[in-house]
Protein backbone atom coordinates (compact mmCIF):
# COMPACT_ATOMS: atom_id res chain seq x y z
CA MET A 1 38.64 62.99 -64.93
CA SER A 2 38.94 59.29 -64.05
CA ASP A 3 38.16 56.60 -66.60
CA GLY A 4 35.49 55.37 -64.21
CA LEU A 5 33.49 58.64 -64.14
CA PHE A 6 30.62 59.58 -66.40
CA ASP A 7 27.30 61.38 -66.10
CA LEU A 8 23.81 60.10 -66.87
CA PRO A 9 21.66 60.80 -68.70
CA GLY A 10 22.41 63.08 -71.62
CA ALA A 11 25.89 64.20 -70.65
CA PRO A 12 28.63 63.40 -73.15
CA ALA A 13 30.82 60.45 -72.32
CA PRO A 14 34.31 61.35 -71.13
CA ALA A 15 37.06 61.42 -73.68
CA ARG A 16 38.91 58.47 -72.17
CA GLY A 17 36.37 55.69 -72.38
CA GLY A 18 33.13 54.60 -70.82
CA GLY A 19 29.53 55.08 -71.78
CA SER A 20 26.38 55.57 -69.84
CA LEU A 21 23.85 53.07 -68.67
CA ALA A 22 21.13 55.23 -70.11
CA ASP A 23 22.66 56.29 -73.41
CA MET A 24 24.72 53.26 -74.48
CA ASP A 25 24.48 52.33 -78.15
CA HIS A 26 22.30 49.24 -77.93
CA THR A 27 23.22 48.02 -81.38
CA ALA A 28 26.73 47.25 -80.14
CA ALA A 29 26.03 46.64 -76.45
CA PRO A 30 26.20 43.13 -74.97
CA LEU A 31 22.92 41.27 -74.62
CA ALA A 32 23.06 41.57 -70.82
CA VAL A 33 23.19 45.37 -71.16
CA ARG A 34 20.51 45.56 -73.84
CA MET A 35 18.13 43.51 -71.71
CA ARG A 36 18.53 45.54 -68.53
CA PRO A 37 15.08 46.35 -67.08
CA ARG A 38 13.90 49.90 -67.64
CA SER A 39 11.55 49.97 -64.65
CA LEU A 40 11.13 48.26 -61.29
CA ASP A 41 8.24 46.24 -62.70
CA GLU A 42 10.62 44.63 -65.21
CA LEU A 43 12.99 43.46 -62.48
CA VAL A 44 13.15 39.69 -62.01
CA GLY A 45 13.63 38.30 -58.51
CA GLN A 46 14.25 40.43 -55.39
CA GLN A 47 10.53 40.56 -54.68
CA HIS A 48 11.30 41.34 -51.03
CA LEU A 49 12.64 44.72 -52.21
CA LEU A 50 9.79 45.59 -54.55
CA ALA A 51 6.78 45.72 -52.25
CA PRO A 52 4.66 48.92 -52.35
CA GLY A 53 6.17 51.51 -50.06
CA SER A 54 9.54 49.77 -49.92
CA PRO A 55 12.62 52.00 -49.72
CA LEU A 56 13.59 51.09 -53.28
CA ARG A 57 10.17 52.06 -54.64
CA ARG A 58 10.18 55.27 -52.64
CA LEU A 59 13.57 56.16 -54.10
CA VAL A 60 12.58 55.41 -57.68
CA GLU A 61 8.87 56.16 -57.86
CA GLY A 62 8.53 58.69 -55.07
CA ASP A 63 11.74 60.47 -56.02
CA GLN A 64 12.65 60.60 -52.32
CA PRO A 65 16.27 61.22 -51.35
CA MET A 66 17.95 58.38 -49.48
CA SER A 67 21.25 56.55 -49.76
CA LEU A 68 21.25 52.83 -50.50
CA LEU A 69 23.85 50.12 -50.09
CA LEU A 70 23.11 47.12 -52.32
CA TRP A 71 24.73 43.89 -51.15
CA GLY A 72 24.47 40.64 -53.09
CA PRO A 73 26.22 38.09 -55.32
CA PRO A 74 27.24 38.96 -58.88
CA GLY A 75 24.47 39.13 -61.45
CA THR A 76 21.62 39.69 -59.01
CA GLY A 77 20.63 43.16 -60.20
CA LYS A 78 22.73 45.72 -58.35
CA THR A 79 23.81 47.60 -61.48
CA THR A 80 20.36 47.04 -62.96
CA ILE A 81 18.77 48.85 -60.03
CA ALA A 82 21.16 51.72 -60.62
CA ALA A 83 20.11 51.79 -64.27
CA VAL A 84 16.44 51.88 -63.26
CA VAL A 85 17.18 54.83 -61.00
CA SER A 86 18.83 56.60 -63.92
CA HIS A 87 15.79 56.04 -66.15
CA GLN A 88 12.97 56.76 -63.72
CA THR A 89 14.10 59.65 -61.55
CA ASN A 90 14.55 63.26 -62.50
CA ARG A 91 17.99 63.38 -60.96
CA LYS A 92 21.33 63.74 -62.59
CA PHE A 93 23.08 60.36 -62.53
CA VAL A 94 26.83 59.94 -62.04
CA GLU A 95 28.64 56.61 -61.93
CA LEU A 96 32.02 55.88 -60.38
CA SER A 97 33.86 52.59 -60.49
CA ALA A 98 35.74 51.86 -57.29
CA VAL A 99 38.34 50.06 -59.42
CA THR A 100 39.50 53.22 -61.20
CA ALA A 101 38.18 56.23 -59.24
CA GLY A 102 40.06 58.04 -56.50
CA VAL A 103 39.37 60.56 -53.75
CA LYS A 104 39.71 63.40 -56.27
CA ASP A 105 36.92 61.93 -58.38
CA VAL A 106 34.66 61.50 -55.36
CA ARG A 107 35.16 65.10 -54.25
CA GLN A 108 34.66 66.36 -57.79
CA VAL A 109 31.26 64.69 -58.00
CA ILE A 110 30.16 65.92 -54.58
CA ASP A 111 31.29 69.48 -55.32
CA GLY A 112 29.41 69.40 -58.61
CA ALA A 113 26.29 68.06 -56.92
CA ARG A 114 26.46 70.81 -54.30
CA ARG A 115 26.73 73.49 -57.00
CA ASP A 116 23.75 72.01 -58.85
CA LEU A 117 21.63 72.18 -55.70
CA SER A 118 22.60 75.80 -55.03
CA ARG A 119 21.33 77.08 -58.36
CA ALA A 120 18.62 79.72 -58.03
CA THR A 121 16.63 78.10 -60.82
CA GLY A 122 16.74 74.64 -62.30
CA ALA A 123 18.29 73.04 -59.21
CA VAL A 124 18.87 69.35 -59.76
CA GLU A 125 19.71 66.53 -57.39
CA THR A 126 22.46 64.00 -58.08
CA VAL A 127 22.45 60.23 -57.71
CA LEU A 128 25.96 58.84 -57.30
CA PHE A 129 26.29 55.15 -58.18
CA ILE A 130 29.48 53.41 -57.01
CA ASP A 131 30.10 49.88 -58.19
CA GLU A 132 32.27 47.58 -56.06
CA VAL A 133 32.36 50.09 -53.21
CA HIS A 134 34.22 47.52 -51.07
CA ARG A 135 37.29 48.29 -53.19
CA PHE A 136 37.36 51.85 -51.93
CA THR A 137 39.93 52.55 -49.24
CA LYS A 138 38.88 54.04 -45.91
CA ALA A 139 40.03 57.46 -47.12
CA GLN A 140 37.93 57.17 -50.27
CA GLN A 141 34.89 56.08 -48.28
CA ASP A 142 35.47 58.93 -45.82
CA ALA A 143 35.33 61.35 -48.75
CA LEU A 144 31.73 60.27 -49.40
CA LEU A 145 30.48 61.14 -45.92
CA PRO A 146 29.90 64.91 -46.30
CA GLY A 147 27.89 64.44 -49.48
CA VAL A 148 25.79 61.65 -47.98
CA GLU A 149 25.29 63.30 -44.59
CA ASN A 150 24.21 66.63 -46.09
CA ARG A 151 22.25 64.94 -48.88
CA TRP A 152 24.19 66.73 -51.57
CA VAL A 153 24.12 63.35 -53.32
CA THR A 154 21.93 60.29 -53.12
CA LEU A 155 24.38 57.42 -52.86
CA VAL A 156 23.61 54.07 -54.46
CA ALA A 157 26.57 51.78 -53.74
CA ALA A 158 26.95 48.14 -54.77
CA THR A 159 29.10 45.46 -53.18
CA THR A 160 29.51 41.70 -53.39
CA GLU A 161 31.26 41.54 -50.02
CA ASN A 162 29.80 41.73 -46.53
CA PRO A 163 29.47 45.49 -45.94
CA PHE A 164 29.91 45.06 -42.20
CA PHE A 165 33.50 44.11 -42.97
CA SER A 166 34.18 46.15 -46.12
CA VAL A 167 32.32 49.44 -45.59
CA ILE A 168 33.21 51.94 -42.87
CA SER A 169 30.68 52.21 -40.03
CA PRO A 170 29.83 55.92 -40.54
CA LEU A 171 28.90 55.31 -44.18
CA LEU A 172 27.01 52.14 -43.31
CA SER A 173 24.98 53.90 -40.63
CA ARG A 174 23.99 56.67 -43.05
CA SER A 175 22.79 54.27 -45.74
CA LEU A 176 19.92 51.85 -45.98
CA LEU A 177 21.26 48.34 -46.52
CA LEU A 178 19.34 46.24 -49.05
CA THR A 179 20.35 42.59 -49.44
CA LEU A 180 19.89 41.02 -52.86
CA GLU A 181 19.46 37.27 -53.21
CA SER A 182 20.73 34.91 -55.88
CA LEU A 183 18.22 34.47 -58.66
CA THR A 184 16.38 31.17 -58.87
CA ASP A 185 16.33 28.95 -61.94
CA ASP A 186 12.79 30.18 -62.61
CA ASP A 187 14.02 33.79 -62.51
CA ILE A 188 16.86 33.05 -64.93
CA SER A 189 14.53 31.08 -67.21
CA LEU A 190 12.18 34.07 -67.38
CA LEU A 191 15.09 36.32 -68.33
CA LEU A 192 16.12 33.89 -71.06
CA ASP A 193 12.58 33.84 -72.45
CA ARG A 194 12.53 37.62 -72.55
CA ALA A 195 15.91 37.86 -74.23
CA LEU A 196 14.92 35.32 -76.89
CA VAL A 197 11.83 37.24 -78.05
CA ASP A 198 12.43 40.89 -77.12
CA GLU A 199 13.42 43.21 -79.96
CA ARG A 200 16.17 44.58 -77.74
CA GLY A 201 17.49 41.04 -77.42
CA LEU A 202 17.47 38.22 -79.96
CA ASP A 203 14.16 39.29 -81.52
CA ASP A 204 12.61 35.81 -81.83
CA GLU A 205 15.39 34.67 -84.15
CA PHE A 206 16.34 31.60 -82.09
CA GLU A 207 14.85 28.57 -80.43
CA LEU A 208 16.49 27.27 -77.25
CA ALA A 209 16.47 23.48 -76.87
CA ALA A 210 15.30 22.09 -73.53
CA ASP A 211 18.60 20.37 -72.67
CA ALA A 212 20.53 23.49 -73.65
CA ARG A 213 18.27 25.56 -71.38
CA ASP A 214 18.88 23.19 -68.47
CA HIS A 215 22.63 23.35 -68.99
CA LEU A 216 22.52 27.13 -69.28
CA LEU A 217 20.65 27.37 -65.98
CA ARG A 218 23.27 25.18 -64.30
CA MET A 219 26.13 27.26 -65.66
CA ALA A 220 24.46 30.54 -64.70
CA GLY A 221 24.34 29.63 -61.02
CA GLY A 222 21.84 32.39 -60.26
CA ASP A 223 23.85 35.04 -62.15
CA ALA A 224 21.68 36.82 -64.73
CA ARG A 225 24.61 38.49 -66.45
CA ARG A 226 26.40 35.19 -66.92
CA ALA A 227 23.25 33.52 -68.29
CA LEU A 228 22.69 36.23 -70.89
CA THR A 229 26.36 36.32 -71.84
CA TYR A 230 26.38 32.57 -72.47
CA LEU A 231 23.09 32.80 -74.39
CA GLU A 232 24.50 35.50 -76.64
CA ALA A 233 27.64 33.46 -77.33
CA ALA A 234 25.56 30.40 -78.17
CA ALA A 235 23.29 32.46 -80.40
CA GLY A 236 26.29 33.54 -82.45
CA GLY A 237 27.26 29.93 -83.01
CA ALA A 238 23.69 28.91 -83.81
CA ARG A 239 23.31 31.74 -86.31
CA ALA A 240 26.47 30.69 -88.18
CA LYS A 241 25.33 27.05 -88.33
CA HIS A 242 21.84 28.04 -89.42
CA GLU A 243 23.06 30.37 -92.17
CA GLN A 244 25.31 27.62 -93.47
CA ALA A 245 22.41 25.15 -93.44
CA VAL A 246 20.11 27.61 -95.27
CA LYS A 247 22.80 28.29 -97.86
CA TYR A 248 23.23 24.58 -98.47
CA ALA A 249 19.47 24.03 -98.67
CA LYS A 250 19.12 26.74 -101.31
CA ALA A 251 21.91 25.24 -103.34
CA GLU A 252 20.19 21.88 -103.25
CA ALA A 253 16.65 23.24 -103.85
CA ASP A 254 14.79 21.85 -106.90
CA ASP A 255 13.16 25.13 -107.82
CA GLU A 256 13.30 28.83 -107.05
CA ALA A 257 10.12 28.80 -104.95
CA GLU A 258 11.57 26.17 -102.63
CA ALA A 259 14.81 28.13 -102.38
CA ASP A 260 12.96 31.29 -101.33
CA LYS A 261 10.97 29.50 -98.61
CA PRO A 262 11.51 31.27 -95.25
CA ALA A 263 13.83 29.36 -92.97
CA GLU A 264 12.85 28.31 -89.47
CA ARG A 265 14.43 29.92 -86.43
CA ALA A 266 18.00 28.96 -85.65
CA LEU A 267 18.27 26.29 -82.98
CA ILE A 268 20.52 26.73 -79.96
CA ASP A 269 21.14 23.12 -79.01
CA LEU A 270 23.34 21.63 -76.32
CA VAL A 271 26.30 21.02 -78.62
CA THR A 272 26.22 24.61 -79.89
CA LEU A 273 26.04 25.92 -76.33
CA GLU A 274 28.91 23.73 -75.15
CA THR A 275 31.04 24.79 -78.11
CA ALA A 276 30.26 28.48 -77.61
CA VAL A 277 31.17 28.60 -73.94
CA ASP A 278 33.79 25.81 -74.03
CA ARG A 279 32.16 24.04 -71.12
CA ALA A 280 30.76 20.52 -71.33
CA ALA A 281 27.40 19.71 -69.80
CA VAL A 282 27.55 17.98 -66.46
CA ARG A 283 24.99 15.19 -66.33
CA TYR A 284 23.44 16.26 -63.08
CA ASP A 285 19.84 16.90 -62.11
CA ARG A 286 19.56 18.93 -58.94
CA ALA A 287 16.01 17.72 -58.41
CA GLY A 288 16.58 14.05 -59.31
CA ASP A 289 18.71 11.00 -58.69
CA GLN A 290 22.01 12.63 -59.67
CA HIS A 291 21.59 15.21 -56.92
CA TYR A 292 21.47 12.49 -54.28
CA ASP A 293 23.82 10.04 -55.99
CA VAL A 294 26.70 12.51 -56.34
CA ALA A 295 26.15 13.91 -52.84
CA SER A 296 26.19 10.37 -51.48
CA ALA A 297 29.36 9.56 -53.42
CA LEU A 298 31.05 12.68 -52.00
CA ILE A 299 30.30 11.72 -48.41
CA LYS A 300 31.20 8.05 -48.91
CA SER A 301 34.51 9.04 -50.52
CA ILE A 302 35.28 11.24 -47.51
CA ARG A 303 34.31 8.37 -45.20
CA GLY A 304 36.60 6.07 -47.19
CA SER A 305 39.49 8.60 -46.98
CA ASP A 306 39.77 8.85 -50.79
CA VAL A 307 40.57 12.53 -51.07
CA ASP A 308 40.87 12.44 -54.86
CA ALA A 309 37.47 10.87 -55.43
CA ALA A 310 35.94 13.28 -52.92
CA MET A 311 37.46 16.22 -54.81
CA HIS A 312 36.05 14.87 -58.07
CA TYR A 313 32.51 14.70 -56.71
CA LEU A 314 32.85 18.15 -55.15
CA ALA A 315 33.91 19.50 -58.55
CA ARG A 316 30.91 17.85 -60.23
CA MET A 317 28.53 19.41 -57.75
CA ILE A 318 30.10 22.85 -58.15
CA GLU A 319 30.13 22.69 -61.94
CA ALA A 320 26.51 21.54 -61.99
CA GLY A 321 25.50 24.63 -60.05
CA GLU A 322 24.64 22.80 -56.83
CA ASP A 323 23.72 25.10 -53.96
CA PRO A 324 27.02 25.49 -52.03
CA ARG A 325 25.04 25.70 -48.79
CA PHE A 326 23.77 22.17 -49.41
CA ILE A 327 27.34 20.94 -49.90
CA ALA A 328 28.47 22.72 -46.74
CA ARG A 329 25.65 21.19 -44.70
CA ARG A 330 26.61 17.71 -45.84
CA LEU A 331 30.23 18.34 -44.80
CA VAL A 332 29.18 19.54 -41.35
CA ILE A 333 27.17 16.35 -40.87
CA SER A 334 30.05 14.18 -42.07
CA ALA A 335 32.45 15.88 -39.66
CA SER A 336 30.51 14.42 -36.72
CA GLU A 337 29.05 11.30 -38.31
CA ASP A 338 32.20 9.87 -39.91
CA ILE A 339 35.05 11.58 -38.04
CA GLY A 340 33.70 12.59 -34.66
CA MET A 341 36.29 12.26 -31.93
CA GLY A 342 38.82 10.75 -34.35
CA ASP A 343 39.64 14.40 -35.02
CA PRO A 344 37.49 16.73 -32.91
CA THR A 345 38.71 19.73 -34.93
CA ALA A 346 37.00 18.43 -38.09
CA LEU A 347 33.63 19.86 -37.04
CA GLY A 348 35.19 23.29 -36.59
CA VAL A 349 36.73 23.09 -40.07
CA ALA A 350 33.40 22.13 -41.63
CA VAL A 351 31.45 24.83 -39.77
CA ALA A 352 34.06 27.42 -40.78
CA ALA A 353 33.66 26.38 -44.42
CA ALA A 354 29.87 26.72 -44.12
CA GLU A 355 30.26 30.20 -42.65
CA ALA A 356 32.68 31.13 -45.43
CA VAL A 357 30.10 30.08 -48.02
CA GLN A 358 27.61 32.48 -46.43
CA LEU A 359 30.19 35.25 -46.07
CA ILE A 360 31.83 35.36 -49.50
CA GLY A 361 29.69 33.22 -51.80
CA MET A 362 30.69 31.50 -55.02
CA PRO A 363 32.94 31.14 -56.91
CA GLU A 364 35.52 31.94 -54.22
CA ALA A 365 33.82 29.70 -51.65
CA ARG A 366 34.75 26.68 -53.75
CA ILE A 367 38.22 26.99 -52.18
CA ASN A 368 36.80 26.86 -48.66
CA LEU A 369 34.69 23.83 -49.53
CA ALA A 370 37.71 22.11 -51.10
CA GLN A 371 39.81 22.75 -48.00
CA ALA A 372 37.10 21.20 -45.82
CA VAL A 373 36.82 18.18 -48.13
CA VAL A 374 40.58 17.57 -47.98
CA ALA A 375 40.66 17.94 -44.19
CA LEU A 376 37.70 15.62 -43.67
CA ALA A 377 38.87 13.00 -46.16
CA LEU A 378 42.32 12.75 -44.58
CA ALA A 379 41.16 12.90 -40.96
CA PRO A 380 41.13 9.74 -38.79
CA LYS A 381 37.64 8.27 -38.94
CA SER A 382 35.30 7.24 -36.13
CA ASN A 383 31.56 6.66 -36.09
CA ALA A 384 31.52 6.18 -32.31
CA VAL A 385 29.62 9.44 -31.75
CA ILE A 386 26.69 8.63 -34.03
CA THR A 387 26.66 5.02 -32.81
CA ALA A 388 26.47 6.22 -29.21
CA VAL A 389 23.64 8.68 -29.68
CA ASP A 390 21.63 6.31 -31.87
CA ALA A 391 22.00 3.49 -29.34
CA ALA A 392 20.86 5.79 -26.54
CA ILE A 393 17.88 6.97 -28.62
CA ALA A 394 16.95 3.36 -29.39
CA ASP A 395 16.87 2.53 -25.66
CA VAL A 396 14.74 5.59 -24.93
CA LYS A 397 12.29 4.59 -27.67
CA ALA A 398 12.21 1.09 -26.19
CA GLY A 399 11.03 2.50 -22.87
CA LYS A 400 14.29 2.44 -20.94
CA VAL A 401 13.63 5.78 -19.25
CA GLY A 402 13.81 5.08 -15.53
CA PRO A 403 13.50 7.91 -12.98
CA VAL A 404 16.38 10.29 -12.39
CA PRO A 405 18.33 9.21 -9.29
CA PRO A 406 17.17 11.31 -6.28
CA HIS A 407 20.60 12.82 -5.59
CA LEU A 408 20.68 14.31 -9.13
CA ARG A 409 17.27 15.96 -8.98
CA ASP A 410 16.74 19.70 -8.67
CA ALA A 411 17.07 20.86 -5.08
CA HIS A 412 16.57 24.61 -5.61
CA TYR A 413 13.02 24.92 -4.36
CA ALA A 414 11.22 24.75 -1.02
CA GLY A 415 10.49 21.23 0.10
CA ALA A 416 13.12 19.59 -2.07
CA LYS A 417 15.21 18.47 0.90
CA LYS A 418 12.20 16.86 2.56
CA LEU A 419 11.86 14.75 -0.57
CA GLY A 420 15.52 13.81 -0.42
CA HIS A 421 16.30 15.52 -3.69
CA GLY A 422 19.98 16.33 -4.01
CA SER A 423 20.75 15.43 -0.40
CA SER A 424 23.42 12.82 -1.16
CA TYR A 425 24.87 14.48 -4.27
CA GLN A 426 28.67 14.64 -4.25
CA TYR A 427 30.31 17.67 -5.90
CA SER A 428 32.88 16.42 -8.43
CA HIS A 429 35.27 19.32 -7.96
CA ASP A 430 35.75 18.42 -4.29
CA ASP A 431 37.53 15.22 -5.32
CA PRO A 432 41.22 15.56 -6.35
CA ARG A 433 40.48 13.44 -9.42
CA GLY A 434 37.55 15.64 -10.44
CA ILE A 435 35.41 12.48 -10.48
CA VAL A 436 33.53 10.78 -7.66
CA PRO A 437 32.04 7.29 -7.71
CA GLN A 438 28.31 7.92 -7.80
CA GLN A 439 25.41 6.88 -10.02
CA TYR A 440 24.30 9.25 -12.78
CA ALA A 441 22.24 7.03 -15.07
CA PRO A 442 18.77 5.70 -14.26
CA ASP A 443 18.76 2.17 -12.84
CA VAL A 444 17.38 0.70 -16.05
CA ILE A 445 20.46 1.60 -18.10
CA ASP A 446 23.08 1.90 -15.36
CA GLY A 447 26.31 0.31 -16.55
CA THR A 448 25.45 0.52 -20.26
CA ASP A 449 28.30 1.59 -22.53
CA TYR A 450 26.89 3.71 -25.35
CA TYR A 451 30.09 5.47 -26.38
CA LYS A 452 32.63 2.95 -27.65
CA PRO A 453 35.68 4.93 -28.80
CA THR A 454 38.01 3.62 -31.47
CA ARG A 455 41.78 3.55 -31.30
CA ARG A 456 42.11 5.76 -34.39
CA GLY A 457 43.50 9.27 -34.38
CA GLY A 458 42.79 11.54 -31.46
CA GLU A 459 40.08 9.20 -30.18
CA ALA A 460 42.70 6.79 -28.86
CA SER A 461 43.36 9.12 -25.93
CA TYR A 462 39.62 9.33 -25.28
CA ALA A 463 39.42 5.53 -25.25
CA ASP A 464 41.93 5.35 -22.43
CA ARG A 465 40.22 8.14 -20.55
CA VAL A 466 36.69 6.76 -20.80
CA THR A 467 37.88 3.38 -19.53
CA ALA A 468 39.49 4.99 -16.48
CA ILE A 469 36.48 7.21 -15.80
CA ARG A 470 33.99 4.36 -16.00
CA LYS A 471 36.08 2.36 -13.53
CA ILE A 472 35.98 5.22 -11.00
CA LEU A 473 32.26 5.96 -11.48
CA ARG A 474 31.20 2.35 -11.08
CA ASP A 475 33.36 1.59 -8.05
CA ARG A 476 30.71 2.54 -5.45
CA LYS A 477 31.52 0.08 -2.70
């Protein structure tokens, strides 16, 4: 049997490692495992999946057979949902890891599930949980199809990658796709509060300082597992410091009664947290001045072509847990505002980075954002596009909105010709140059130059072209 295969609940763990989500020894388990919710009502976040009558509730509370594909970033509750299924349903629970399991393991589980269903008495259904299903090859995913299609197993598969690219279509069409969202700071904060006081967690032994909490939320980045792992590491450091302080206080106590006085809870402060996770706090408030100051510095460094400074500010935003979608949006804006036609490909680079953020998420998307920052910082700069559109908008606001010239008006309706609409329009493609000298702008702004291209980068060629085109268009004699 593969290292990645074990049954839940009640079945003995395989000889070569592993343990079950249901039966793990909680005295030695990590805090993130000990604090896993035992019911849907204990889940934090993902409220869109927990409404009455939702597929997830029907699977868990109604004990209805259906196969689920859980897609979301790390630490959002995919494995937790599997654990809830193992606790709350009357089904046999089997877990496979796509990292270690093979086709043989998949078929073994399905064959066992089919035998369990065929029993004359005591028939039992099987839930098969597969973590990181995107790591399965096509052949391994194909091996799941008979069990899913015939409902010999109820599949609960988890993936951090877009299933439309990483899961075969037949399996995707036979499963209900549930998308999990990154947890908010409020969600993570609630989990921390639970872990601090719950007897399964830290059992009210510690106090978490406000600045340490803020830093922990930034480092977690919406990942519950990471938040609890860091909290546990910091708690270990705080306990050691506290025990040392209590020991010293007893040694210095004036009398025995003072020495026996109960100590206060150990404090997890910012220094202890930083030491425990070897990661210094980034002075950054996502809701305050730092949020806007650092974002502004990033864009101004790109505008100033200082690629190193831009990379520094990008790193600060990433390390502070800034929403990568916010960073991507700022880059898309900069690509047109500060680069424009200096390098027309810059917008495509920025949009591609934004799409990559949505597709793969953090931390990998930091590479895509960095590539966009380098490309934008080193690109030739031009603000001619934003200057042009803003100048045109200013004229419109000032009332320069004369009537559309008659030859440009819509002529596709009865009576249009009688009004002279479109009658003198000249079709540009009939001219060898592709341009004919006729008026396009209203009289009130005819001859106004809004777009004033620079001679930097690719825009130099546009400068020559716009000059030649304007000469043709305005030569109407």
